[in-house]
Amino acid sequence: MQKEEVVIEVIRRLEKVYPNKLELNFKNPFELLIAVILAAQTTDAKVNHVTERLFKKYKTPEDYLRVPLEELQRDISSINYYRNKAKYIKGACKMLVENFGGEVPKSIEELTKLPGVGRKTANMILYNAFGINEGIAVDTHTARVSKRLGLTEEEKPDKIEQELMQITPKEEWGKLSNLLILHGRYICTARNPKHKECVLYDLCPSRES
């Protein structure tokens, strides 16, 4: 099978197993922005535990700007790197208010100007908040699973993204990322992947390694 055919088969199989969504809890694009900033090097479960309270206290960018930095840091103190993340959130909210009318922008160029938002994060927001396929979010799970499946031999996230974009229909970019993240999290783990539970086992050139 060509890589283009493998990708389609991977999506077809994985979408029968996983929902096409992130495991972060959010009700609107702004909540997702805050959640993904908090999620860097932290589990989604931990983020969801914190945002359950956080999103009741802070509803708008202005809400985050009204409180002292120290108060926001206390509110997210159970999250890794909470001091820096509080600064990112403050900076992002300031930019939203001053440059974007308090709304989360809908382009990768504008999103990546926000503190704490890189290309991976921007892709996640665009697809999961707005249904926009502008790229493929490549995190550690996406990278690991796509390499094991033989879809790419690249090591750097930006190069992995470009190769996956070339072999995947554009309308499937966001879905592919969501599905690979979940599969990497639960089945195709970094150590001791669960081959016997893997619906992609017969497609995977790494299955014997």
Protein backbone atom coordinates (compact mmCIF):
# COMPACT_ATOMS: atom_id res chain seq x y z
CA MET A 1 0.00 0.00 0.00
CA GLN A 2 1.11 3.53 -0.75
CA LYS A 3 1.38 5.92 2.18
CA GLU A 4 -1.71 7.77 0.98
CA GLU A 5 -3.69 4.52 1.14
CA VAL A 6 -2.29 3.61 4.56
CA VAL A 7 -3.36 6.98 6.02
CA ILE A 8 -6.94 6.53 4.82
CA GLU A 9 -7.07 3.01 6.27
CA VAL A 10 -5.57 4.22 9.56
CA ILE A 11 -8.24 6.91 9.87
CA ARG A 12 -11.03 4.49 8.92
CA ARG A 13 -10.00 2.00 11.61
CA LEU A 14 -9.17 4.45 14.39
CA GLU A 15 -12.38 6.46 14.04
CA LYS A 16 -14.27 3.29 14.90
CA VAL A 17 -12.36 3.10 18.19
CA TYR A 18 -11.90 6.72 19.29
CA PRO A 19 -13.96 9.90 19.26
CA ASN A 20 -12.72 12.64 16.95
CA LYS A 21 -11.96 15.11 19.73
CA LEU A 22 -9.43 16.14 22.34
CA GLU A 23 -9.68 14.89 25.90
CA LEU A 24 -9.45 18.43 27.23
CA ASN A 25 -12.75 19.83 28.53
CA PHE A 26 -13.88 23.16 27.05
CA LYS A 27 -17.09 24.88 26.02
CA ASN A 28 -15.78 27.55 23.66
CA PRO A 29 -12.62 28.55 21.74
CA PHE A 30 -11.34 30.74 24.59
CA GLU A 31 -11.56 27.91 27.12
CA LEU A 32 -9.71 25.64 24.69
CA LEU A 33 -6.97 28.25 24.30
CA ILE A 34 -6.46 28.37 28.06
CA ALA A 35 -6.59 24.57 28.34
CA VAL A 36 -3.97 23.94 25.66
CA ILE A 37 -1.60 26.50 27.20
CA LEU A 38 -1.94 24.67 30.50
CA ALA A 39 -1.58 21.25 28.85
CA ALA A 40 2.07 21.58 27.79
CA GLN A 41 4.03 18.79 29.54
CA THR A 42 0.99 18.04 31.72
CA THR A 43 -1.68 15.35 31.43
CA ASP A 44 -5.11 16.28 30.10
CA ALA A 45 -6.64 14.76 33.23
CA LYS A 46 -4.67 17.15 35.44
CA VAL A 47 -5.65 20.11 33.25
CA ASN A 48 -9.32 19.13 33.36
CA HIS A 49 -9.17 18.94 37.15
CA VAL A 50 -7.79 22.48 37.32
CA THR A 51 -10.03 24.02 34.65
CA GLU A 52 -13.17 22.67 36.30
CA ARG A 53 -12.68 25.38 38.94
CA LEU A 54 -10.75 27.84 36.78
CA PHE A 55 -13.47 28.22 34.14
CA LYS A 56 -16.05 29.03 36.80
CA LYS A 57 -13.92 31.90 38.09
CA TYR A 58 -12.63 33.24 34.78
CA LYS A 59 -15.06 33.62 31.88
CA THR A 60 -13.36 36.20 29.63
CA PRO A 61 -9.87 37.48 28.82
CA GLU A 62 -10.67 40.54 30.92
CA ASP A 63 -11.30 38.32 33.95
CA TYR A 64 -7.74 36.96 33.77
CA LEU A 65 -6.34 40.47 33.39
CA ARG A 66 -8.15 41.82 36.46
CA VAL A 67 -6.43 39.55 38.98
CA PRO A 68 -2.81 39.82 40.14
CA LEU A 69 -0.38 37.39 38.54
CA GLU A 70 0.21 35.76 41.92
CA GLU A 71 -3.48 34.95 42.29
CA LEU A 72 -3.65 33.28 38.89
CA GLN A 73 -0.49 31.34 39.72
CA ARG A 74 -2.13 30.04 42.89
CA ASP A 75 -5.21 29.02 40.92
CA ILE A 76 -3.14 26.82 38.60
CA SER A 77 -0.34 25.87 41.01
CA SER A 78 -0.92 22.12 40.68
CA ILE A 79 0.06 22.32 36.99
CA ASN A 80 3.66 21.86 35.83
CA TYR A 81 5.45 25.16 35.11
CA TYR A 82 2.47 27.08 36.49
CA ARG A 83 4.42 30.31 36.96
CA ASN A 84 5.36 30.56 33.29
CA LYS A 85 1.94 29.37 32.16
CA ALA A 86 0.24 32.06 34.23
CA LYS A 87 2.41 34.65 32.45
CA TYR A 88 1.51 33.12 29.07
CA ILE A 89 -2.19 33.25 29.89
CA LYS A 90 -1.93 36.87 31.02
CA GLY A 91 0.00 37.79 27.88
CA ALA A 92 -2.36 35.94 25.58
CA CYS A 93 -5.42 37.56 27.18
CA LYS A 94 -3.84 41.02 26.89
CA MET A 95 -3.20 40.42 23.19
CA LEU A 96 -6.72 39.08 22.64
CA VAL A 97 -8.21 42.23 24.16
CA GLU A 98 -5.87 44.70 22.46
CA ASN A 99 -5.53 43.09 19.01
CA PHE A 100 -8.47 40.75 18.44
CA GLY A 101 -11.50 42.30 20.12
CA GLY A 102 -11.38 39.74 22.92
CA GLU A 103 -11.96 36.86 20.49
CA VAL A 104 -9.71 33.91 19.68
CA PRO A 105 -8.35 34.45 16.14
CA LYS A 106 -8.99 31.90 13.41
CA SER A 107 -5.66 31.84 11.58
CA ILE A 108 -2.42 30.07 12.39
CA GLU A 109 -0.43 33.27 11.80
CA GLU A 110 -2.44 35.19 14.40
CA LEU A 111 -2.71 32.36 16.91
CA THR A 112 1.03 31.74 16.98
CA LYS A 113 1.58 35.37 17.96
CA LEU A 114 -0.07 34.62 21.31
CA PRO A 115 2.28 33.78 24.20
CA GLY A 116 2.36 30.05 24.93
CA VAL A 117 0.92 29.10 21.53
CA GLY A 118 3.08 27.29 18.98
CA ARG A 119 2.10 25.75 15.67
CA LYS A 120 1.00 22.45 17.25
CA THR A 121 -1.26 24.23 19.73
CA ALA A 122 -2.63 26.53 17.02
CA ASN A 123 -3.55 23.55 14.83
CA MET A 124 -5.38 21.95 17.76
CA ILE A 125 -7.36 25.12 18.41
CA LEU A 126 -8.24 25.74 14.77
CA TYR A 127 -9.62 22.26 14.19
CA ASN A 128 -11.22 21.48 17.54
CA ALA A 129 -12.71 24.94 18.15
CA PHE A 130 -13.51 26.07 14.60
CA GLY A 131 -13.38 22.98 12.37
CA ILE A 132 -10.55 24.55 10.35
CA ASN A 133 -7.94 22.25 8.78
CA GLU A 134 -4.87 24.45 8.39
CA GLY A 135 -2.29 21.90 9.50
CA ILE A 136 -1.69 18.76 11.54
CA ALA A 137 -0.86 19.00 15.24
CA VAL A 138 2.27 16.94 15.83
CA ASP A 139 2.84 16.09 19.48
CA THR A 140 4.93 13.23 20.85
CA HIS A 141 2.11 10.72 20.23
CA THR A 142 1.48 11.84 16.64
CA ALA A 143 5.20 11.69 15.90
CA ARG A 144 5.73 8.27 17.47
CA VAL A 145 2.72 6.56 15.90
CA SER A 146 3.25 8.03 12.42
CA LYS A 147 6.89 6.92 12.45
CA ARG A 148 6.03 3.41 13.64
CA LEU A 149 3.44 3.14 10.88
CA GLY A 150 6.06 4.09 8.32
CA LEU A 151 4.23 7.28 7.33
CA THR A 152 7.34 9.38 7.94
CA GLU A 153 11.00 9.01 8.79
CA GLU A 154 11.39 12.62 9.82
CA GLU A 155 12.32 13.55 13.39
CA LYS A 156 11.38 17.22 13.67
CA PRO A 157 7.69 18.05 14.25
CA ASP A 158 7.51 20.61 11.45
CA LYS A 159 8.92 18.15 8.92
CA ILE A 160 6.65 15.36 10.17
CA GLU A 161 3.70 17.71 9.78
CA GLN A 162 4.63 18.62 6.22
CA GLU A 163 5.00 14.97 5.20
CA LEU A 164 1.70 13.97 6.80
CA MET A 165 -0.05 16.89 5.11
CA GLN A 166 1.24 15.74 1.73
CA ILE A 167 -0.17 12.21 2.07
CA THR A 168 -3.43 13.01 3.91
CA PRO A 169 -6.54 14.62 2.38
CA LYS A 170 -6.85 18.15 3.78
CA GLU A 171 -10.32 17.53 5.18
CA GLU A 172 -8.82 14.77 7.37
CA TRP A 173 -5.86 16.67 8.82
CA GLY A 174 -7.41 17.54 12.19
CA LYS A 175 -9.09 14.19 12.57
CA LEU A 176 -5.84 12.32 11.87
CA SER A 177 -4.06 14.25 14.61
CA ASN A 178 -6.82 13.67 17.18
CA LEU A 179 -6.93 9.94 16.43
CA LEU A 180 -3.16 9.43 16.46
CA ILE A 181 -2.87 11.27 19.78
CA LEU A 182 -5.45 9.00 21.41
CA HIS A 183 -4.00 5.84 19.88
CA GLY A 184 -0.52 6.82 21.04
CA ARG A 185 -1.79 7.60 24.51
CA TYR A 186 -3.63 4.32 25.07
CA ILE A 187 -2.29 1.63 22.71
CA CYS A 188 0.83 2.63 20.78
CA THR A 189 2.64 3.75 23.91
CA ALA A 190 6.30 4.73 24.01
CA ARG A 191 7.18 1.65 26.07
CA ASN A 192 5.54 -1.74 25.64
CA PRO A 193 2.98 -0.91 22.94
CA LYS A 194 -0.13 -3.07 23.23
CA HIS A 195 0.20 -5.02 19.98
CA LYS A 196 -2.58 -7.49 20.82
CA GLU A 197 -5.08 -4.64 21.26
CA CYS A 198 -3.97 -2.65 18.22
CA VAL A 199 -6.43 -2.35 15.32
CA LEU A 200 -3.52 -1.29 13.11
CA TYR A 201 -1.33 -4.30 13.90
CA ASP A 202 -1.38 -5.79 10.40
CA LEU A 203 -0.57 -2.42 8.83
CA CYS A 204 2.36 -1.65 11.12
CA PRO A 205 5.92 -2.34 9.91
CA SER A 206 7.14 -1.87 13.50
CA ARG A 207 4.95 -4.59 15.01
CA GLU A 208 7.79 -7.04 15.56
CA SER A 209 10.23 -4.54 17.03
